[in-house]
Amino acid sequence: MYTLSANQYGKGEIHLVRIYRDTPRHEIRDLTVTTALRGDFADAYLSGDQSKVLPTDTQKNTAFAFAKTHGEGAVEDYAIALGRHFVDSDPYATAADIDVLVDAWDRVVIDGAEHDHTWVKRGPERRTVRVVATGTGAEQTVEVTGGVVDLVILKSTGSEFHGFHKDEYTTLGETDDRILATSLDVTWRFSAVPADWDAAFVTIRTALVSTFATWHSLALQQTLWQMGQAALDAVPEIAEVKLTAPNKHHFLYDFTRFTVAQPIPNDNEVFHADDRPYGLIEATVSRA
């Protein structure tokens, strides 16, 4: 005896690029959109009956169409419009999840001036938007989550790690001066609509990066706690911040093993960067 306890379906990673040509100085928006519908779709799984299934190809086409018809505002406005459309127009969908990754492009600078229609792709950092639209009419709710992924950041000092618990397998040495580096994935949930979605993103990102840089860290855990608080202080419309931070370890390279006549000094200057395994530190900071 089995039951279909949950299901959803949609179109993954719809990569679309919108160019704005209203003036000689063009603008670019590069989005990767994933859609998912939840609702009365059990028959498609249990008996193969597709009569209630809106094809994923249709969802893809809708994402491209809305890039034209609803693409003038912020990315959040686009995702909200797309999510509302699916639950309003599809009688079998009770909820729509819209996930958007935003790739940023920087203008090419020629002779000190920004070029009107040429860019260089920035990376690996990407802005994220997630919209969950549920229900229709007066009962409809929309939840918006913003974020950033692959925000690679490093400070060469201002970080310690000592006084930790040890057992018979502990070999890590204590330090009061180390490199602190990570590739941050951060999401924040909105409890109210900000005056400007784009400005809210910039403000939160600035708070995160500034706190990482200026807070003297006794542990990456402590740094995440301070960063979460800074983001909540910066934008009152967000209710909580979730931070995921793999600790990108940098170990001082041991020159003392070399059989050279003159020892090579290494005063926190040359490091071996290990990409794995890594410490994985996570925290969610919420308003009380």
Protein backbone atom coordinates (compact mmCIF):
# COMPACT_ATOMS: atom_id res chain seq x y z
CA MET A 1 0.00 0.00 0.00
CA TYR A 2 1.50 3.30 -1.11
CA THR A 3 0.38 6.91 -1.38
CA LEU A 4 1.56 9.81 -3.54
CA SER A 5 2.37 12.13 -0.65
CA ALA A 6 3.63 15.12 -2.66
CA ASN A 7 4.25 16.14 -6.25
CA GLN A 8 5.11 19.10 -8.41
CA TYR A 9 6.35 19.66 -11.94
CA GLY A 10 7.72 22.51 -13.99
CA LYS A 11 10.46 23.76 -16.30
CA GLY A 12 14.02 23.95 -15.08
CA GLU A 13 16.62 26.58 -15.93
CA ILE A 14 14.90 28.64 -18.61
CA HIS A 15 17.76 30.88 -19.70
CA LEU A 16 16.49 34.15 -21.16
CA VAL A 17 18.18 37.43 -22.00
CA ARG A 18 16.23 40.69 -22.36
CA ILE A 19 17.80 43.71 -24.07
CA TYR A 20 16.25 47.12 -23.45
CA ARG A 21 16.66 49.30 -26.56
CA ASP A 22 14.58 52.35 -25.63
CA THR A 23 17.64 54.62 -25.90
CA PRO A 24 21.02 54.38 -27.67
CA ARG A 25 22.41 53.19 -24.31
CA HIS A 26 21.09 49.64 -24.08
CA GLU A 27 20.44 47.69 -20.87
CA ILE A 28 20.71 43.93 -20.35
CA ARG A 29 18.93 41.48 -18.05
CA ASP A 30 20.14 37.87 -17.92
CA LEU A 31 17.83 35.49 -16.03
CA THR A 32 17.66 31.75 -15.44
CA VAL A 33 14.08 30.92 -14.45
CA THR A 34 12.74 27.69 -12.95
CA THR A 35 8.98 27.17 -12.60
CA ALA A 36 7.09 24.54 -10.59
CA LEU A 37 3.34 23.99 -10.27
CA ARG A 38 1.66 22.22 -7.36
CA GLY A 39 -1.97 21.16 -7.27
CA ASP A 40 -4.41 18.53 -8.54
CA PHE A 41 -1.95 16.53 -10.65
CA ALA A 42 -2.10 13.11 -9.01
CA ASP A 43 -3.80 11.47 -12.03
CA ALA A 44 -0.77 12.23 -14.20
CA TYR A 45 1.37 10.15 -11.83
CA LEU A 46 -1.08 7.41 -10.89
CA SER A 47 -2.71 6.68 -14.24
CA GLY A 48 -0.86 8.75 -16.83
CA ASP A 49 -3.87 11.04 -17.38
CA GLN A 50 -2.45 14.36 -18.62
CA SER A 51 -5.76 16.24 -18.91
CA LYS A 52 -4.88 18.56 -16.00
CA VAL A 53 -1.24 19.06 -16.90
CA LEU A 54 -0.11 22.38 -18.38
CA PRO A 55 2.97 21.36 -20.41
CA THR A 56 6.32 22.46 -19.13
CA ASP A 57 6.97 23.81 -22.61
CA THR A 58 4.03 26.19 -22.09
CA GLN A 59 5.57 27.33 -18.82
CA LYS A 60 8.81 28.03 -20.69
CA ASN A 61 6.96 30.05 -23.36
CA THR A 62 5.16 32.03 -20.67
CA ALA A 63 8.44 32.92 -18.98
CA PHE A 64 9.78 34.31 -22.26
CA ALA A 65 6.54 36.20 -23.02
CA PHE A 66 6.50 37.78 -19.57
CA ALA A 67 10.09 38.93 -20.06
CA LYS A 68 8.62 41.23 -22.71
CA THR A 69 5.21 42.10 -21.20
CA HIS A 70 6.24 42.26 -17.51
CA GLY A 71 9.99 42.87 -17.77
CA GLU A 72 10.20 46.59 -17.15
CA GLY A 73 10.34 46.54 -13.33
CA ALA A 74 12.49 44.72 -10.81
CA VAL A 75 13.18 41.00 -11.10
CA GLU A 76 10.89 40.43 -8.12
CA ASP A 77 8.01 42.13 -9.96
CA TYR A 78 8.58 39.84 -12.95
CA ALA A 79 8.64 36.70 -10.79
CA ILE A 80 5.52 37.78 -8.86
CA ALA A 81 3.63 38.41 -12.10
CA LEU A 82 4.67 35.00 -13.45
CA GLY A 83 3.65 33.17 -10.28
CA ARG A 84 0.30 34.95 -10.05
CA HIS A 85 -0.41 34.17 -13.70
CA PHE A 86 0.00 30.43 -13.25
CA VAL A 87 -2.27 30.12 -10.22
CA ASP A 88 -4.85 32.56 -11.63
CA SER A 89 -5.06 31.01 -15.10
CA ASP A 90 -4.57 27.28 -14.40
CA PRO A 91 -7.67 25.82 -12.67
CA TYR A 92 -5.71 22.81 -11.43
CA ALA A 93 -2.71 24.66 -9.95
CA THR A 94 -2.98 25.66 -6.29
CA ALA A 95 0.54 27.05 -6.01
CA ALA A 96 3.38 28.18 -8.25
CA ASP A 97 7.05 28.39 -7.30
CA ILE A 98 9.23 30.73 -9.34
CA ASP A 99 13.00 30.70 -8.85
CA VAL A 100 15.22 33.19 -10.65
CA LEU A 101 19.00 33.42 -10.85
CA VAL A 102 20.34 36.76 -12.06
CA ASP A 103 23.67 36.98 -13.90
CA ALA A 104 25.23 40.44 -13.75
CA TRP A 105 27.09 42.11 -16.62
CA ASP A 106 29.52 45.04 -16.36
CA ARG A 107 29.85 47.57 -19.14
CA VAL A 108 33.05 47.62 -21.13
CA VAL A 109 35.01 50.85 -20.56
CA ILE A 110 36.78 52.35 -23.56
CA ASP A 111 39.00 55.42 -23.15
CA GLY A 112 37.42 56.05 -19.75
CA ALA A 113 33.82 55.92 -21.01
CA GLU A 114 31.29 53.11 -20.61
CA HIS A 115 30.27 51.52 -23.89
CA ASP A 116 26.56 51.75 -24.76
CA HIS A 117 26.01 48.16 -25.82
CA THR A 118 28.93 45.93 -24.79
CA TRP A 119 29.35 44.11 -21.47
CA VAL A 120 31.63 41.64 -19.70
CA LYS A 121 29.95 38.97 -17.60
CA ARG A 122 30.54 39.18 -13.87
CA GLY A 123 30.81 36.11 -11.69
CA PRO A 124 30.55 33.73 -10.02
CA GLU A 125 28.21 35.68 -7.73
CA ARG A 126 24.51 35.64 -8.71
CA ARG A 127 21.46 37.35 -7.28
CA THR A 128 18.47 35.11 -6.49
CA VAL A 129 14.72 35.65 -6.30
CA ARG A 130 12.13 33.10 -5.19
CA VAL A 131 8.37 33.69 -5.36
CA VAL A 132 5.72 31.29 -4.06
CA ALA A 133 2.20 32.24 -5.19
CA THR A 134 -0.62 30.26 -3.54
CA GLY A 135 -4.38 30.40 -4.09
CA THR A 136 -6.48 32.77 -6.14
CA GLY A 137 -8.56 35.89 -5.67
CA ALA A 138 -8.84 37.34 -2.19
CA GLU A 139 -7.24 34.20 -0.72
CA GLN A 140 -4.08 34.49 -2.78
CA THR A 141 -0.79 34.88 -0.92
CA VAL A 142 2.65 35.66 -2.34
CA GLU A 143 5.88 35.03 -0.45
CA VAL A 144 9.10 36.62 -1.74
CA THR A 145 12.63 35.56 -0.85
CA GLY A 146 15.72 37.34 -2.08
CA GLY A 147 19.33 36.29 -1.91
CA VAL A 148 22.77 35.87 -3.36
CA VAL A 149 24.77 32.72 -4.18
CA ASP A 150 28.48 32.15 -4.73
CA LEU A 151 29.50 35.43 -3.09
CA VAL A 152 33.22 34.67 -2.75
CA ILE A 153 34.87 36.82 -0.10
CA LEU A 154 38.23 36.70 1.69
CA LYS A 155 40.01 38.70 4.39
CA SER A 156 43.74 38.20 4.96
CA THR A 157 43.69 38.97 8.70
CA GLY A 158 41.25 39.91 11.46
CA SER A 159 40.25 36.29 12.09
CA GLU A 160 41.13 33.89 14.91
CA PHE A 161 40.25 30.32 15.86
CA HIS A 162 41.34 28.95 19.22
CA GLY A 163 40.02 27.61 22.49
CA PHE A 164 38.00 24.93 20.72
CA HIS A 165 37.05 21.53 22.15
CA LYS A 166 39.62 18.80 21.51
CA ASP A 167 39.54 15.01 21.61
CA GLU A 168 41.99 12.23 20.77
CA TYR A 169 41.60 12.83 17.03
CA THR A 170 42.16 16.61 17.06
CA THR A 171 45.21 17.74 15.11
CA LEU A 172 44.22 21.29 14.12
CA GLY A 173 46.43 23.95 15.62
CA GLU A 174 45.12 27.09 17.25
CA THR A 175 45.68 30.47 15.60
CA ASP A 176 45.11 34.11 16.42
CA ASP A 177 45.72 35.33 12.85
CA ARG A 178 44.38 33.47 9.82
CA ILE A 179 42.82 33.97 6.40
CA LEU A 180 39.02 33.83 6.53
CA ALA A 181 37.42 32.97 3.19
CA THR A 182 34.07 31.62 2.09
CA SER A 183 31.62 31.36 -0.79
CA LEU A 184 28.40 32.66 0.74
CA ASP A 185 24.87 31.58 -0.12
CA VAL A 186 22.44 33.91 1.63
CA THR A 187 18.65 34.15 1.43
CA TRP A 188 16.35 36.62 3.12
CA ARG A 189 12.57 36.42 3.47
CA PHE A 190 10.48 39.55 3.02
CA SER A 191 7.63 40.21 5.43
CA ALA A 192 6.66 43.43 3.61
CA VAL A 193 7.25 44.96 0.18
CA PRO A 194 10.20 47.39 0.19
CA ALA A 195 10.01 50.73 -1.58
CA ASP A 196 12.56 49.50 -4.12
CA TRP A 197 13.47 45.82 -4.62
CA ASP A 198 16.81 46.61 -6.28
CA ALA A 199 17.82 49.10 -3.60
CA ALA A 200 16.94 46.57 -0.88
CA PHE A 201 19.22 44.00 -2.52
CA VAL A 202 22.13 46.45 -2.72
CA THR A 203 21.61 47.54 0.90
CA ILE A 204 21.53 43.98 2.24
CA ARG A 205 24.55 42.88 0.21
CA THR A 206 26.49 45.95 1.37
CA ALA A 207 25.64 45.18 5.00
CA LEU A 208 26.79 41.57 4.62
CA VAL A 209 30.09 42.41 2.94
CA SER A 210 30.90 45.35 5.22
CA THR A 211 30.30 43.29 8.35
CA PHE A 212 32.45 40.43 7.09
CA ALA A 213 35.26 42.90 6.40
CA THR A 214 35.14 44.93 9.61
CA TRP A 215 34.10 42.45 12.32
CA HIS A 216 37.09 40.90 14.09
CA SER A 217 36.15 37.24 13.89
CA LEU A 218 36.71 34.69 16.64
CA ALA A 219 34.94 32.07 14.50
CA LEU A 220 33.06 31.97 11.21
CA GLN A 221 29.96 31.14 13.27
CA GLN A 222 30.28 34.46 15.10
CA THR A 223 30.77 36.32 11.82
CA LEU A 224 27.56 34.85 10.35
CA TRP A 225 25.61 35.91 13.45
CA GLN A 226 26.87 39.48 13.09
CA MET A 227 26.20 39.51 9.32
CA GLY A 228 22.63 38.32 9.80
CA GLN A 229 21.96 41.03 12.36
CA ALA A 230 23.45 43.68 10.08
CA ALA A 231 21.18 42.65 7.20
CA LEU A 232 18.07 42.77 9.43
CA ASP A 233 19.10 46.19 10.74
CA ALA A 234 19.65 47.48 7.22
CA VAL A 235 16.26 46.54 5.72
CA PRO A 236 13.27 46.39 8.10
CA GLU A 237 11.11 44.64 5.47
CA ILE A 238 12.99 41.34 5.86
CA ALA A 239 12.01 38.90 8.61
CA GLU A 240 14.93 36.47 8.60
CA VAL A 241 18.26 35.79 6.95
CA LYS A 242 19.69 32.32 6.27
CA LEU A 243 23.44 32.09 5.69
CA THR A 244 25.38 29.10 4.39
CA ALA A 245 29.16 29.46 4.42
CA PRO A 246 31.67 26.80 3.41
CA ASN A 247 34.94 27.66 5.12
CA LYS A 248 37.49 27.95 2.32
CA HIS A 249 40.55 26.82 4.26
CA HIS A 250 43.96 28.38 3.66
CA PHE A 251 46.82 26.57 5.37
CA LEU A 252 50.24 28.13 5.86
CA TYR A 253 52.67 26.34 3.57
CA ASP A 254 55.51 24.64 5.43
CA PHE A 255 58.87 25.77 4.03
CA THR A 256 60.81 24.15 6.91
CA ARG A 257 60.69 20.80 5.09
CA PHE A 258 62.99 22.12 2.35
CA THR A 259 66.67 21.17 2.50
CA VAL A 260 67.98 24.60 1.56
CA ALA A 261 70.97 26.38 3.02
CA GLN A 262 69.03 29.50 3.85
CA PRO A 263 65.60 28.93 5.52
CA ILE A 264 62.71 30.56 3.69
CA PRO A 265 60.58 32.69 6.02
CA ASN A 266 56.79 32.44 5.77
CA ASP A 267 55.17 35.06 7.97
CA ASN A 268 51.53 34.41 6.99
CA GLU A 269 52.38 35.09 3.35
CA VAL A 270 52.18 31.85 1.32
CA PHE A 271 49.21 29.50 1.76
CA HIS A 272 47.90 26.26 0.35
CA ALA A 273 44.23 26.78 -0.58
CA ASP A 274 42.15 23.64 0.01
CA ASP A 275 38.83 23.40 -1.80
CA ARG A 276 37.72 20.20 -0.01
CA PRO A 277 36.91 18.96 2.48
CA TYR A 278 35.65 22.15 4.07
CA GLY A 279 33.88 23.25 7.20
CA LEU A 280 30.25 24.03 6.42
CA ILE A 281 28.81 26.68 8.71
CA GLU A 282 25.12 27.65 8.61
CA ALA A 283 22.91 30.01 10.56
CA THR A 284 19.45 31.54 10.37
CA VAL A 285 18.99 34.91 12.07
CA SER A 286 15.38 35.97 12.66
CA ARG A 287 13.62 38.86 14.28
CA ALA A 288 12.57 37.97 17.83
